[in-house]
Every structure is written in structure tokens, then in C-alpha cells.
Amino acid sequence: MPPTMEDRLRDILEAIADIENVMHGFTFDRFVSGRTARLAIERLLEIICEASRFIPDEVKRAESGIDWRRMVDFGNLLRHACHTTKAEIVWDIIQTHLPPLKSCAERHIRVSGR
């Protein structure tokens, strides 16, 4: 059976939780200098971006505060042009864009579980 929307949302939440664990106590300077952690986080962001491709359009429309298209595009960048990924962009995504995505995923999992 193919993955459900809830499966994809759980993939997103799991990857975010892993990023939060890796990033615990990190400053920007430590993030920039920690190549291994940065590569792990980029891989987790790939998972998030890939899972987001399969979120239904009606959910994406309801969650217009999340730039779904840009998320997919960033996943493509990570997969195909990783040598051009800037630490500043990844840091901004972690700090600014993951918290609302986490809230969205949690909300839709709660709704789907009713």
C-alpha cells in the first residue's frame, strides 16, 4: 500500500525532530563549521522536501503560509546541486520555516486521526 498523507506528515515530523536533536545547542558559527552535522541536516531536509511533494493540494491551499513550491525546489537543489548550498540558507530554513511546517504537520495528523 502506498504511503498515506499521514505517513508523509509523520516523515516530515520525524525529520524535523532529528534536525532539532542535531541542532540542540548549536550557534550559527558551530553550524557553519560542523560539516558532518550540516550534511546530516541537509539530508533530513531532502526527506522533508520529498515528503512535501505528496501532500494533497487541498492541504497546501489551506496552509498557504508555507511555501510548498519553494520547499520542493529546495529539495531539488539539495539533490542536484548540493555543492552550491549555502549554510546561511539552511540555517534560515531551520530557524524560520521548520517551526510552522512542524505545527502544520502536527495539526493535520490530529485532524486525520479523528
N, C-alpha and C. Protein backbone atom coordinates (compact mmCIF):
# COMPACT_ATOMS: atom_id res chain seq x y z
N MET A 1 0.84 -1.17 0.00
CA MET A 1 0.00 0.00 0.00
C MET A 1 0.90 1.25 0.00
N PRO A 2 0.60 2.22 -0.87
CA PRO A 2 1.44 3.43 -0.92
C PRO A 2 1.28 4.25 0.36
N PRO A 3 2.27 5.08 0.65
CA PRO A 3 2.19 5.90 1.86
C PRO A 3 0.99 6.85 1.80
N THR A 4 0.38 7.06 2.94
CA THR A 4 -0.75 7.99 3.05
C THR A 4 -0.21 9.39 3.35
N MET A 5 -1.12 10.37 3.31
CA MET A 5 -0.74 11.72 3.69
C MET A 5 -0.22 11.72 5.12
N GLU A 6 -0.87 10.98 5.99
CA GLU A 6 -0.42 10.92 7.38
C GLU A 6 0.99 10.34 7.47
N ASP A 7 1.28 9.33 6.67
CA ASP A 7 2.64 8.78 6.63
C ASP A 7 3.66 9.85 6.23
N ARG A 8 3.31 10.62 5.22
CA ARG A 8 4.21 11.69 4.74
C ARG A 8 4.40 12.75 5.82
N LEU A 9 3.30 13.11 6.50
CA LEU A 9 3.39 14.10 7.57
C LEU A 9 4.25 13.58 8.72
N ARG A 10 4.12 12.30 9.00
CA ARG A 10 4.96 11.71 10.06
C ARG A 10 6.44 11.68 9.64
N ASP A 11 6.70 11.45 8.36
CA ASP A 11 8.08 11.54 7.86
C ASP A 11 8.64 12.94 8.08
N ILE A 12 7.82 13.94 7.79
CA ILE A 12 8.22 15.34 7.99
C ILE A 12 8.51 15.59 9.47
N LEU A 13 7.60 15.17 10.34
CA LEU A 13 7.79 15.40 11.77
C LEU A 13 9.03 14.68 12.31
N GLU A 14 9.24 13.47 11.86
CA GLU A 14 10.41 12.71 12.32
C GLU A 14 11.71 13.39 11.89
N ALA A 15 11.74 13.87 10.65
CA ALA A 15 12.94 14.56 10.16
C ALA A 15 13.16 15.87 10.92
N ILE A 16 12.08 16.59 11.20
CA ILE A 16 12.21 17.83 11.98
C ILE A 16 12.73 17.52 13.38
N ALA A 17 12.21 16.48 14.01
CA ALA A 17 12.68 16.10 15.35
C ALA A 17 14.17 15.74 15.31
N ASP A 18 14.59 15.05 14.27
CA ASP A 18 16.01 14.70 14.14
C ASP A 18 16.86 15.96 13.96
N ILE A 19 16.37 16.91 13.17
CA ILE A 19 17.09 18.18 13.00
C ILE A 19 17.19 18.91 14.33
N GLU A 20 16.09 18.95 15.06
CA GLU A 20 16.11 19.61 16.37
C GLU A 20 17.13 18.96 17.30
N ASN A 21 17.22 17.64 17.27
CA ASN A 21 18.19 16.94 18.11
C ASN A 21 19.63 17.26 17.70
N VAL A 22 19.89 17.24 16.41
CA VAL A 22 21.24 17.54 15.93
C VAL A 22 21.61 18.99 16.25
N MET A 23 20.65 19.90 16.10
CA MET A 23 20.91 21.33 16.26
C MET A 23 20.92 21.80 17.71
N HIS A 24 20.55 20.95 18.63
CA HIS A 24 20.46 21.38 20.03
C HIS A 24 21.77 22.02 20.50
N GLY A 25 21.67 23.27 20.92
CA GLY A 25 22.83 23.99 21.42
C GLY A 25 23.74 24.58 20.36
N PHE A 26 23.38 24.45 19.09
CA PHE A 26 24.21 24.99 18.02
C PHE A 26 24.04 26.50 17.89
N THR A 27 25.14 27.18 17.69
CA THR A 27 25.13 28.56 17.24
C THR A 27 25.32 28.51 15.72
N PHE A 28 25.14 29.66 15.07
CA PHE A 28 25.36 29.69 13.63
C PHE A 28 26.81 29.32 13.31
N ASP A 29 27.76 29.86 14.07
CA ASP A 29 29.17 29.55 13.80
C ASP A 29 29.47 28.06 13.93
N ARG A 30 28.91 27.44 14.93
CA ARG A 30 29.12 26.00 15.11
C ARG A 30 28.48 25.22 13.96
N PHE A 31 27.31 25.69 13.52
CA PHE A 31 26.63 25.06 12.40
C PHE A 31 27.49 25.14 11.14
N VAL A 32 28.03 26.32 10.87
CA VAL A 32 28.85 26.52 9.67
C VAL A 32 30.10 25.64 9.72
N SER A 33 30.72 25.54 10.88
CA SER A 33 31.97 24.78 10.98
C SER A 33 31.75 23.27 11.14
N GLY A 34 30.53 22.85 11.46
CA GLY A 34 30.24 21.44 11.68
C GLY A 34 29.76 20.74 10.41
N ARG A 35 30.68 20.41 9.55
CA ARG A 35 30.33 19.84 8.24
C ARG A 35 29.48 18.58 8.35
N THR A 36 29.82 17.68 9.25
CA THR A 36 29.09 16.43 9.38
C THR A 36 27.64 16.68 9.78
N ALA A 37 27.44 17.53 10.76
CA ALA A 37 26.07 17.87 11.19
C ALA A 37 25.32 18.55 10.06
N ARG A 38 25.99 19.46 9.36
CA ARG A 38 25.33 20.18 8.27
C ARG A 38 24.90 19.22 7.17
N LEU A 39 25.75 18.26 6.84
CA LEU A 39 25.39 17.28 5.81
C LEU A 39 24.21 16.41 6.26
N ALA A 40 24.20 16.03 7.52
CA ALA A 40 23.08 15.24 8.05
C ALA A 40 21.79 16.05 7.97
N ILE A 41 21.86 17.31 8.33
CA ILE A 41 20.68 18.16 8.29
C ILE A 41 20.20 18.35 6.86
N GLU A 42 21.12 18.53 5.94
CA GLU A 42 20.72 18.67 4.53
C GLU A 42 20.00 17.41 4.05
N ARG A 43 20.47 16.26 4.47
CA ARG A 43 19.78 15.00 4.09
C ARG A 43 18.38 14.96 4.69
N LEU A 44 18.24 15.37 5.94
CA LEU A 44 16.92 15.40 6.57
C LEU A 44 16.00 16.41 5.88
N LEU A 45 16.56 17.53 5.43
CA LEU A 45 15.76 18.49 4.67
C LEU A 45 15.32 17.90 3.33
N GLU A 46 16.16 17.10 2.72
CA GLU A 46 15.76 16.39 1.49
C GLU A 46 14.54 15.52 1.75
N ILE A 47 14.55 14.80 2.86
CA ILE A 47 13.42 13.94 3.22
C ILE A 47 12.16 14.77 3.39
N ILE A 48 12.28 15.90 4.08
CA ILE A 48 11.13 16.79 4.28
C ILE A 48 10.61 17.29 2.94
N CYS A 49 11.52 17.74 2.10
CA CYS A 49 11.12 18.28 0.79
C CYS A 49 10.45 17.21 -0.07
N GLU A 50 10.99 16.02 -0.05
CA GLU A 50 10.40 14.92 -0.83
C GLU A 50 9.02 14.57 -0.31
N ALA A 51 8.87 14.46 1.00
CA ALA A 51 7.57 14.13 1.58
C ALA A 51 6.54 15.21 1.26
N SER A 52 6.98 16.46 1.23
CA SER A 52 6.05 17.56 0.98
C SER A 52 5.47 17.51 -0.43
N ARG A 53 6.16 16.88 -1.35
CA ARG A 53 5.65 16.76 -2.73
C ARG A 53 4.34 15.98 -2.77
N PHE A 54 4.10 15.13 -1.78
CA PHE A 54 2.94 14.25 -1.80
C PHE A 54 1.82 14.71 -0.88
N ILE A 55 1.94 15.90 -0.34
CA ILE A 55 0.86 16.46 0.46
C ILE A 55 -0.22 16.94 -0.51
N PRO A 56 -1.48 16.58 -0.28
CA PRO A 56 -2.55 16.95 -1.22
C PRO A 56 -2.69 18.47 -1.38
N ASP A 57 -3.11 18.86 -2.57
CA ASP A 57 -3.27 20.29 -2.88
C ASP A 57 -4.23 20.99 -1.93
N GLU A 58 -5.28 20.30 -1.49
CA GLU A 58 -6.22 20.98 -0.59
C GLU A 58 -5.56 21.33 0.74
N VAL A 59 -4.64 20.52 1.20
CA VAL A 59 -3.89 20.84 2.42
C VAL A 59 -2.95 22.00 2.15
N LYS A 60 -2.30 21.97 1.01
CA LYS A 60 -1.38 23.06 0.66
C LYS A 60 -2.13 24.38 0.55
N ARG A 61 -3.32 24.36 -0.03
CA ARG A 61 -4.12 25.59 -0.12
C ARG A 61 -4.53 26.08 1.26
N ALA A 62 -4.88 25.15 2.13
CA ALA A 62 -5.30 25.51 3.49
C ALA A 62 -4.12 26.04 4.31
N GLU A 63 -2.92 25.66 3.95
CA GLU A 63 -1.71 26.06 4.67
C GLU A 63 -0.88 26.99 3.78
N SER A 64 -1.50 28.09 3.39
CA SER A 64 -0.86 29.00 2.44
C SER A 64 0.35 29.74 3.02
N GLY A 65 0.53 29.69 4.33
CA GLY A 65 1.70 30.32 4.93
C GLY A 65 2.99 29.55 4.70
N ILE A 66 2.85 28.35 4.19
CA ILE A 66 4.02 27.52 3.89
C ILE A 66 4.25 27.56 2.38
N ASP A 67 5.46 27.87 2.00
CA ASP A 67 5.80 27.97 0.58
C ASP A 67 6.16 26.58 0.06
N TRP A 68 5.13 25.82 -0.28
CA TRP A 68 5.29 24.42 -0.70
C TRP A 68 6.15 24.30 -1.96
N ARG A 69 5.93 25.19 -2.92
CA ARG A 69 6.69 25.13 -4.18
C ARG A 69 8.18 25.35 -3.91
N ARG A 70 8.46 26.33 -3.09
CA ARG A 70 9.85 26.63 -2.77
C ARG A 70 10.51 25.46 -2.03
N MET A 71 9.72 24.78 -1.21
CA MET A 71 10.24 23.62 -0.49
C MET A 71 10.65 22.52 -1.47
N VAL A 72 9.81 22.25 -2.43
CA VAL A 72 10.13 21.23 -3.44
C VAL A 72 11.37 21.66 -4.24
N ASP A 73 11.41 22.94 -4.60
CA ASP A 73 12.56 23.45 -5.35
C ASP A 73 13.85 23.32 -4.55
N PHE A 74 13.78 23.59 -3.25
CA PHE A 74 14.96 23.47 -2.41
C PHE A 74 15.42 22.01 -2.34
N GLY A 75 14.47 21.10 -2.27
CA GLY A 75 14.81 19.68 -2.29
C GLY A 75 15.55 19.31 -3.56
N ASN A 76 15.10 19.85 -4.69
CA ASN A 76 15.79 19.60 -5.96
C ASN A 76 17.20 20.16 -5.93
N LEU A 77 17.35 21.34 -5.35
CA LEU A 77 18.68 21.94 -5.22
C LEU A 77 19.59 21.04 -4.38
N LEU A 78 19.07 20.56 -3.27
CA LEU A 78 19.88 19.69 -2.40
C LEU A 78 20.30 18.42 -3.13
N ARG A 79 19.39 17.86 -3.92
CA ARG A 79 19.69 16.61 -4.61
C ARG A 79 20.65 16.78 -5.79
N HIS A 80 20.53 17.91 -6.47
CA HIS A 80 21.25 18.03 -7.74
C HIS A 80 22.36 19.06 -7.77
N ALA A 81 22.40 19.94 -6.79
CA ALA A 81 23.42 21.00 -6.80
C ALA A 81 23.91 21.27 -5.39
N CYS A 82 24.16 20.20 -4.66
CA CYS A 82 24.48 20.33 -3.23
C CYS A 82 25.73 21.17 -2.98
N HIS A 83 26.63 21.21 -3.93
CA HIS A 83 27.85 22.00 -3.74
C HIS A 83 27.57 23.50 -3.69
N THR A 84 26.37 23.91 -4.08
CA THR A 84 26.03 25.33 -4.05
C THR A 84 25.15 25.71 -2.86
N THR A 85 24.86 24.76 -1.99
CA THR A 85 24.01 25.04 -0.84
C THR A 85 24.78 25.89 0.16
N LYS A 86 24.20 27.03 0.50
CA LYS A 86 24.84 27.94 1.44
C LYS A 86 24.34 27.67 2.86
N ALA A 87 25.26 27.68 3.80
CA ALA A 87 24.91 27.42 5.20
C ALA A 87 23.89 28.44 5.71
N GLU A 88 23.98 29.68 5.24
CA GLU A 88 23.05 30.72 5.68
C GLU A 88 21.61 30.38 5.30
N ILE A 89 21.44 29.82 4.12
CA ILE A 89 20.10 29.45 3.65
C ILE A 89 19.56 28.30 4.48
N VAL A 90 20.38 27.30 4.71
CA VAL A 90 19.95 26.14 5.51
C VAL A 90 19.61 26.59 6.93
N TRP A 91 20.44 27.44 7.51
CA TRP A 91 20.19 27.96 8.86
C TRP A 91 18.85 28.70 8.91
N ASP A 92 18.59 29.55 7.92
CA ASP A 92 17.33 30.29 7.87
C ASP A 92 16.14 29.36 7.76
N ILE A 93 16.25 28.34 6.96
CA ILE A 93 15.16 27.36 6.83
C ILE A 93 14.88 26.71 8.18
N ILE A 94 15.94 26.30 8.86
CA ILE A 94 15.78 25.63 10.15
C ILE A 94 15.12 26.56 11.16
N GLN A 95 15.60 27.79 11.22
CA GLN A 95 15.14 28.73 12.23
C GLN A 95 13.76 29.33 11.92
N THR A 96 13.48 29.57 10.64
CA THR A 96 12.29 30.32 10.25
C THR A 96 11.17 29.45 9.69
N HIS A 97 11.51 28.48 8.88
CA HIS A 97 10.48 27.76 8.13
C HIS A 97 10.07 26.41 8.72
N LEU A 98 10.94 25.78 9.47
CA LEU A 98 10.57 24.48 10.05
C LEU A 98 9.52 24.58 11.16
N PRO A 99 9.57 25.58 12.05
CA PRO A 99 8.54 25.63 13.10
C PRO A 99 7.10 25.68 12.56
N PRO A 100 6.78 26.53 11.56
CA PRO A 100 5.41 26.50 11.04
C PRO A 100 5.07 25.19 10.32
N LEU A 101 6.05 24.59 9.66
CA LEU A 101 5.81 23.30 9.00
C LEU A 101 5.53 22.22 10.03
N LYS A 102 6.25 22.25 11.12
CA LYS A 102 6.02 21.29 12.21
C LYS A 102 4.61 21.44 12.76
N SER A 103 4.18 22.67 13.00
CA SER A 103 2.82 22.92 13.50
C SER A 103 1.77 22.43 12.51
N CYS A 104 2.00 22.68 11.24
CA CYS A 104 1.08 22.23 10.19
C CYS A 104 0.97 20.72 10.20
N ALA A 105 2.09 20.03 10.22
CA ALA A 105 2.08 18.56 10.19
C ALA A 105 1.37 18.00 11.42
N GLU A 106 1.67 18.56 12.58
CA GLU A 106 1.01 18.09 13.81
C GLU A 106 -0.50 18.30 13.74
N ARG A 107 -0.90 19.46 13.25
CA ARG A 107 -2.33 19.78 13.15
C ARG A 107 -3.05 18.81 12.21
N HIS A 108 -2.48 18.53 11.07
CA HIS A 108 -3.15 17.67 10.09
C HIS A 108 -3.12 16.20 10.52
N ILE A 109 -2.13 15.80 11.26
CA ILE A 109 -2.14 14.44 11.81
C ILE A 109 -3.25 14.31 12.84
N ARG A 110 -3.42 15.33 13.69
CA ARG A 110 -4.51 15.30 14.68
C ARG A 110 -5.86 15.21 13.97
N VAL A 111 -6.04 16.01 12.94
CA VAL A 111 -7.32 16.02 12.21
C VAL A 111 -7.55 14.68 11.52
N SER A 112 -6.52 14.11 10.93
CA SER A 112 -6.70 12.84 10.21
C SER A 112 -6.95 11.68 11.16
N GLY A 113 -6.58 11.84 12.42
CA GLY A 113 -6.79 10.79 13.40
C GLY A 113 -8.16 10.77 14.03
N ARG A 114 -9.00 11.70 13.66
CA ARG A 114 -10.35 11.77 14.24
C ARG A 114 -11.25 10.73 13.67
